[in-house]
Amino acid sequence: MTYKISKETLLKQGSIKKSPIDWKAVNNLLRRAYTDLKTAERNMDEDEECSYNYAYNAMLRSGLALMFSEGFRPEIKDKHLTIIKFASLILGKKFKKVIPLLSSFIRL
């Protein structure tokens, strides 16, 4: 599933709101995402489910950092789906094969 959506549409839907860019928050989210990925890798042999959860959290934190760096934040309702939609529109065609995979983790 590739989302044909714009920032303006997400704003009108109330899925995102404008917010001041907070580079400290972006940095903290990316640092935590990196830690989550290392933890996922470390646990893969012992507990696959745990690893997938950490990898998913890393994806969400990275997407949220991307949103913050663009001056937006998601609303609470459907937050995970909104992050994926936003990342899809920013990352564009180069990453279009990855987006359906990420979307499959979310129960729509």
N, C-alpha and C. Protein backbone atom coordinates (compact mmCIF):
# COMPACT_ATOMS: atom_id res chain seq x y z
N MET A 1 0.85 -1.17 0.00
CA MET A 1 0.00 0.00 0.00
C MET A 1 0.89 1.23 0.00
N THR A 2 0.76 2.06 -0.99
CA THR A 2 1.48 3.32 -1.05
C THR A 2 0.46 4.43 -0.82
N TYR A 3 0.79 5.35 0.05
CA TYR A 3 -0.15 6.41 0.37
C TYR A 3 0.02 7.59 -0.56
N LYS A 4 -1.04 7.92 -1.29
CA LYS A 4 -1.06 9.12 -2.14
C LYS A 4 -1.72 10.21 -1.29
N ILE A 5 -0.92 10.85 -0.51
CA ILE A 5 -1.45 11.82 0.44
C ILE A 5 -0.43 12.94 0.57
N SER A 6 -0.89 14.09 1.00
CA SER A 6 0.01 15.23 1.17
C SER A 6 -0.05 15.70 2.63
N LYS A 7 0.92 16.53 2.97
CA LYS A 7 0.91 17.12 4.31
C LYS A 7 -0.37 17.90 4.54
N GLU A 8 -0.81 18.61 3.49
CA GLU A 8 -2.03 19.41 3.61
C GLU A 8 -3.24 18.53 3.92
N THR A 9 -3.31 17.37 3.26
CA THR A 9 -4.41 16.45 3.50
C THR A 9 -4.37 15.94 4.94
N LEU A 10 -3.19 15.56 5.41
CA LEU A 10 -3.06 15.08 6.78
C LEU A 10 -3.43 16.17 7.78
N LEU A 11 -3.07 17.42 7.47
CA LEU A 11 -3.46 18.54 8.34
C LEU A 11 -4.98 18.72 8.37
N LYS A 12 -5.60 18.68 7.19
CA LYS A 12 -7.06 18.84 7.10
C LYS A 12 -7.80 17.72 7.82
N GLN A 13 -7.25 16.50 7.73
CA GLN A 13 -7.86 15.35 8.40
C GLN A 13 -7.67 15.41 9.91
N GLY A 14 -6.78 16.26 10.36
CA GLY A 14 -6.48 16.34 11.79
C GLY A 14 -5.53 15.25 12.25
N SER A 15 -4.86 14.58 11.32
CA SER A 15 -3.92 13.51 11.66
C SER A 15 -2.59 14.05 12.16
N ILE A 16 -2.21 15.23 11.66
CA ILE A 16 -0.96 15.86 12.09
C ILE A 16 -1.23 17.31 12.47
N LYS A 17 -0.32 17.85 13.24
CA LYS A 17 -0.37 19.26 13.61
C LYS A 17 1.01 19.85 13.40
N LYS A 18 1.04 21.13 13.07
CA LYS A 18 2.33 21.81 12.97
C LYS A 18 2.89 21.99 14.36
N SER A 19 4.21 21.91 14.44
CA SER A 19 4.87 22.15 15.72
C SER A 19 6.27 22.69 15.44
N PRO A 20 6.81 23.43 16.39
CA PRO A 20 8.17 23.95 16.19
C PRO A 20 9.15 22.79 16.06
N ILE A 21 10.15 22.97 15.22
CA ILE A 21 11.17 21.93 15.07
C ILE A 21 12.03 21.90 16.32
N ASP A 22 12.15 20.71 16.90
CA ASP A 22 12.92 20.51 18.13
C ASP A 22 14.04 19.52 17.82
N TRP A 23 15.21 20.06 17.46
CA TRP A 23 16.32 19.19 17.05
C TRP A 23 16.81 18.31 18.18
N LYS A 24 16.66 18.74 19.42
CA LYS A 24 17.06 17.91 20.55
C LYS A 24 16.16 16.67 20.63
N ALA A 25 14.86 16.86 20.43
CA ALA A 25 13.93 15.73 20.43
C ALA A 25 14.22 14.79 19.26
N VAL A 26 14.53 15.35 18.09
CA VAL A 26 14.87 14.53 16.92
C VAL A 26 16.09 13.67 17.23
N ASN A 27 17.12 14.29 17.77
CA ASN A 27 18.34 13.58 18.12
C ASN A 27 18.08 12.49 19.15
N ASN A 28 17.29 12.80 20.17
CA ASN A 28 16.97 11.81 21.21
C ASN A 28 16.21 10.62 20.62
N LEU A 29 15.26 10.89 19.74
CA LEU A 29 14.49 9.81 19.12
C LEU A 29 15.39 8.92 18.26
N LEU A 30 16.28 9.53 17.50
CA LEU A 30 17.17 8.74 16.65
C LEU A 30 18.16 7.92 17.48
N ARG A 31 18.65 8.52 18.55
CA ARG A 31 19.55 7.78 19.43
C ARG A 31 18.84 6.57 20.04
N ARG A 32 17.60 6.79 20.48
CA ARG A 32 16.82 5.69 21.07
C ARG A 32 16.48 4.62 20.02
N ALA A 33 16.18 5.05 18.80
CA ALA A 33 15.90 4.10 17.72
C ALA A 33 17.12 3.21 17.47
N TYR A 34 18.30 3.81 17.48
CA TYR A 34 19.53 3.05 17.29
C TYR A 34 19.71 2.03 18.41
N THR A 35 19.44 2.43 19.64
CA THR A 35 19.53 1.52 20.78
C THR A 35 18.53 0.37 20.62
N ASP A 36 17.31 0.70 20.17
CA ASP A 36 16.30 -0.33 19.95
C ASP A 36 16.76 -1.34 18.90
N LEU A 37 17.39 -0.86 17.83
CA LEU A 37 17.87 -1.77 16.78
C LEU A 37 18.98 -2.67 17.32
N LYS A 38 19.89 -2.12 18.11
CA LYS A 38 20.95 -2.95 18.70
C LYS A 38 20.35 -4.01 19.62
N THR A 39 19.34 -3.62 20.38
CA THR A 39 18.67 -4.56 21.29
C THR A 39 17.95 -5.64 20.50
N ALA A 40 17.29 -5.25 19.41
CA ALA A 40 16.61 -6.24 18.55
C ALA A 40 17.61 -7.26 18.02
N GLU A 41 18.73 -6.78 17.54
CA GLU A 41 19.75 -7.67 16.99
C GLU A 41 20.30 -8.61 18.08
N ARG A 42 20.54 -8.08 19.23
CA ARG A 42 21.10 -8.85 20.33
C ARG A 42 20.16 -9.96 20.80
N ASN A 43 18.86 -9.74 20.70
CA ASN A 43 17.87 -10.70 21.19
C ASN A 43 17.34 -11.66 20.14
N MET A 44 17.76 -11.52 18.90
CA MET A 44 17.18 -12.30 17.81
C MET A 44 17.25 -13.81 18.05
N ASP A 45 18.37 -14.30 18.53
CA ASP A 45 18.51 -15.74 18.75
C ASP A 45 17.73 -16.23 19.96
N GLU A 46 17.57 -15.38 20.95
CA GLU A 46 16.89 -15.78 22.19
C GLU A 46 15.38 -15.60 22.13
N ASP A 47 14.93 -14.49 21.56
CA ASP A 47 13.50 -14.16 21.60
C ASP A 47 13.14 -13.34 20.37
N GLU A 48 12.71 -14.02 19.31
CA GLU A 48 12.39 -13.33 18.05
C GLU A 48 11.29 -12.30 18.21
N GLU A 49 10.26 -12.64 18.97
CA GLU A 49 9.15 -11.70 19.15
C GLU A 49 9.61 -10.41 19.81
N CYS A 50 10.47 -10.55 20.79
CA CYS A 50 11.04 -9.37 21.45
C CYS A 50 11.82 -8.54 20.43
N SER A 51 12.59 -9.19 19.59
CA SER A 51 13.38 -8.50 18.57
C SER A 51 12.48 -7.72 17.61
N TYR A 52 11.39 -8.34 17.18
CA TYR A 52 10.47 -7.66 16.27
C TYR A 52 9.85 -6.43 16.93
N ASN A 53 9.52 -6.56 18.22
CA ASN A 53 8.95 -5.42 18.93
C ASN A 53 9.95 -4.26 19.00
N TYR A 54 11.20 -4.58 19.29
CA TYR A 54 12.21 -3.52 19.34
C TYR A 54 12.45 -2.90 17.96
N ALA A 55 12.46 -3.73 16.93
CA ALA A 55 12.65 -3.21 15.57
C ALA A 55 11.47 -2.31 15.18
N TYR A 56 10.27 -2.71 15.55
CA TYR A 56 9.08 -1.90 15.27
C TYR A 56 9.17 -0.56 16.00
N ASN A 57 9.57 -0.60 17.26
CA ASN A 57 9.72 0.64 18.02
C ASN A 57 10.77 1.55 17.39
N ALA A 58 11.86 0.96 16.90
CA ALA A 58 12.89 1.75 16.23
C ALA A 58 12.32 2.43 14.98
N MET A 59 11.50 1.70 14.24
CA MET A 59 10.86 2.27 13.04
C MET A 59 9.95 3.44 13.42
N LEU A 60 9.17 3.26 14.46
CA LEU A 60 8.26 4.34 14.88
C LEU A 60 9.04 5.56 15.37
N ARG A 61 10.06 5.34 16.16
CA ARG A 61 10.85 6.46 16.67
C ARG A 61 11.54 7.21 15.53
N SER A 62 12.04 6.46 14.55
CA SER A 62 12.69 7.10 13.40
C SER A 62 11.69 7.91 12.59
N GLY A 63 10.50 7.35 12.40
CA GLY A 63 9.45 8.07 11.67
C GLY A 63 9.00 9.32 12.41
N LEU A 64 8.91 9.21 13.72
CA LEU A 64 8.53 10.36 14.53
C LEU A 64 9.61 11.43 14.47
N ALA A 65 10.87 11.02 14.48
CA ALA A 65 11.98 11.97 14.33
C ALA A 65 11.88 12.67 12.98
N LEU A 66 11.53 11.94 11.94
CA LEU A 66 11.35 12.53 10.61
C LEU A 66 10.24 13.57 10.65
N MET A 67 9.12 13.24 11.27
CA MET A 67 8.01 14.20 11.38
C MET A 67 8.45 15.46 12.13
N PHE A 68 9.11 15.27 13.27
CA PHE A 68 9.56 16.41 14.07
C PHE A 68 10.53 17.28 13.26
N SER A 69 11.39 16.65 12.47
CA SER A 69 12.37 17.41 11.70
C SER A 69 11.71 18.22 10.57
N GLU A 70 10.49 17.84 10.21
CA GLU A 70 9.73 18.56 9.18
C GLU A 70 8.78 19.59 9.80
N GLY A 71 8.73 19.65 11.14
CA GLY A 71 7.88 20.62 11.83
C GLY A 71 6.44 20.15 12.03
N PHE A 72 6.27 18.84 12.20
CA PHE A 72 4.93 18.27 12.44
C PHE A 72 4.99 17.26 13.56
N ARG A 73 3.82 16.96 14.11
CA ARG A 73 3.68 15.89 15.09
C ARG A 73 2.35 15.19 14.82
N PRO A 74 2.26 13.90 15.14
CA PRO A 74 1.00 13.18 14.90
C PRO A 74 0.01 13.41 16.02
N GLU A 75 -1.25 13.29 15.69
CA GLU A 75 -2.29 13.25 16.72
C GLU A 75 -2.25 11.88 17.37
N ILE A 76 -2.84 11.73 18.52
CA ILE A 76 -2.81 10.46 19.24
C ILE A 76 -3.58 9.37 18.48
N LYS A 77 -4.74 9.71 17.96
CA LYS A 77 -5.56 8.72 17.24
C LYS A 77 -4.82 8.26 15.98
N ASP A 78 -4.67 6.96 15.83
CA ASP A 78 -4.00 6.35 14.68
C ASP A 78 -2.56 6.84 14.51
N LYS A 79 -1.89 7.07 15.62
CA LYS A 79 -0.53 7.63 15.60
C LYS A 79 0.43 6.79 14.75
N HIS A 80 0.41 5.49 14.93
CA HIS A 80 1.34 4.64 14.20
C HIS A 80 1.09 4.71 12.70
N LEU A 81 -0.15 4.64 12.30
CA LEU A 81 -0.50 4.72 10.88
C LEU A 81 -0.14 6.09 10.32
N THR A 82 -0.36 7.14 11.07
CA THR A 82 -0.02 8.49 10.62
C THR A 82 1.48 8.62 10.39
N ILE A 83 2.28 8.05 11.28
CA ILE A 83 3.73 8.12 11.13
C ILE A 83 4.14 7.43 9.83
N ILE A 84 3.55 6.28 9.54
CA ILE A 84 3.89 5.55 8.31
C ILE A 84 3.44 6.34 7.08
N LYS A 85 2.25 6.92 7.13
CA LYS A 85 1.77 7.72 6.00
C LYS A 85 2.71 8.90 5.75
N PHE A 86 3.09 9.57 6.82
CA PHE A 86 3.97 10.73 6.69
C PHE A 86 5.33 10.33 6.14
N ALA A 87 5.90 9.27 6.67
CA ALA A 87 7.20 8.80 6.18
C ALA A 87 7.10 8.42 4.71
N SER A 88 5.99 7.82 4.34
CA SER A 88 5.77 7.43 2.94
C SER A 88 5.80 8.63 2.02
N LEU A 89 5.16 9.71 2.41
CA LEU A 89 5.11 10.87 1.53
C LEU A 89 6.45 11.60 1.49
N ILE A 90 7.21 11.58 2.57
CA ILE A 90 8.51 12.25 2.60
C ILE A 90 9.57 11.41 1.87
N LEU A 91 9.58 10.12 2.12
CA LEU A 91 10.61 9.26 1.54
C LEU A 91 10.37 8.98 0.05
N GLY A 92 9.12 9.01 -0.37
CA GLY A 92 8.80 8.90 -1.78
C GLY A 92 9.03 7.53 -2.41
N LYS A 93 9.18 7.57 -3.73
CA LYS A 93 9.23 6.35 -4.53
C LYS A 93 10.40 5.43 -4.20
N LYS A 94 11.51 6.02 -3.78
CA LYS A 94 12.70 5.21 -3.51
C LYS A 94 12.42 4.13 -2.46
N PHE A 95 11.51 4.40 -1.54
CA PHE A 95 11.23 3.48 -0.46
C PHE A 95 9.86 2.83 -0.58
N LYS A 96 9.23 2.90 -1.75
CA LYS A 96 7.85 2.43 -1.89
C LYS A 96 7.68 0.94 -1.62
N LYS A 97 8.73 0.15 -1.77
CA LYS A 97 8.63 -1.28 -1.48
C LYS A 97 8.63 -1.56 0.02
N VAL A 98 9.16 -0.67 0.81
CA VAL A 98 9.25 -0.87 2.26
C VAL A 98 7.94 -0.51 2.95
N ILE A 99 7.22 0.47 2.45
CA ILE A 99 6.01 0.98 3.12
C ILE A 99 4.95 -0.10 3.33
N PRO A 100 4.64 -0.96 2.32
CA PRO A 100 3.64 -2.00 2.58
C PRO A 100 4.07 -2.95 3.71
N LEU A 101 5.35 -3.22 3.79
CA LEU A 101 5.86 -4.08 4.85
C LEU A 101 5.61 -3.44 6.21
N LEU A 102 5.90 -2.15 6.33
CA LEU A 102 5.68 -1.45 7.59
C LEU A 102 4.19 -1.40 7.93
N SER A 103 3.37 -1.17 6.92
CA SER A 103 1.92 -1.08 7.13
C SER A 103 1.34 -2.40 7.61
N SER A 104 1.95 -3.50 7.23
CA SER A 104 1.41 -4.80 7.61
C SER A 104 1.50 -5.06 9.11
N PHE A 105 2.34 -4.30 9.81
CA PHE A 105 2.46 -4.45 11.26
C PHE A 105 1.31 -3.79 12.01
N ILE A 106 0.56 -2.94 11.31
CA ILE A 106 -0.50 -2.17 11.96
C ILE A 106 -1.84 -2.78 11.62
N ARG A 107 -2.65 -2.99 12.61
CA ARG A 107 -4.00 -3.49 12.36
C ARG A 107 -4.86 -2.31 11.96
N LEU A 108 -5.34 -2.33 10.73
CA LEU A 108 -6.18 -1.23 10.23
C LEU A 108 -7.63 -1.46 10.56
